[in-house]
Amino acid sequence: MKQRRVSLCSTNARRLDRPVAGSCDGHYAIGPYARFCSSRCSKFPGADKLTHDDAILFFTRWVTHFCAPIFVFLAGTGAYFQLSRGKSKRELSRFLITRGLWLILLEVTLVRLGIFFNVNYSLFALLQVMWVIGLSMIGLSVLIYLPVRWLAVFGLAMIYLHNLLDRFVVPHWQGPESPVPSWSEKLFMILHQESFFPVLWFFPSPVVILAYPLIPWIGVMALASLSGALRNR
């Protein structure tokens, strides 16, 4: 299996994630249109190319690229508004952890069932927007204790400098005949590199497709939590 196969899997994963992201609580105005756009583009693969004859098809694919950033950003602003309504940082931290775990659980259960229509967990999950929102919420549960200045530095650095990590590439898992990535390699993939790999340290074991690494999304959520503070100034 060549490395190119991985990028194709990731591209397809991104197409599949739009309906899931649209189902996030509080985003009903955007979700139905995102689902329509995604369904149109899955029928017309060329819709993601600017040279395509049909400009409307290209637009419906292009506009869905705003979905994930908007959902992550709104989750971050929501965290700030929880504080502004009287929650302590300890209460908010606990809320973010439990809500994050709940979203990850939904990703690997209900969302997975809606995508694959089976309960065969040899393919454990397709980790997409709900997964990364949940994981970012868990990270934000710690970041909210930082001073505002350092939270801003963290968010901006994560967004503007994360591409510097592109020079570091963990070898992709090549299938049953190749070694399973180590725990440190899996951690790097979760943080920054789209890939797929067995959940455990051996194969056969359930495989995950990682379509949305944590970086830079946790930086987007951190900055979003600051935007709420700026709005109230």
Foldseek 3Di string as FASTA:
>chain_A
DDPVVLVVVLVVLVLLCLLVLLPPPPNVVVNVLSVVLSVLCVVPVCLCDPPDPDVVNVVSVVVSVVRLLVSLLVLLQVLLVVVVVPDDLLRSLVVLQVQLVVLLVCQQPVVQCVVPVDDPQLARGAQDRSNLSSVLSNVVSVVVPDPLVVLLVLLVCLVPPVCVCVVDDDDADPDQVGAFDDPVNVLVCLARNFHKTAPDRHPPHRMYGYNDHNTPSSSSSSVSNVVNVVVVD
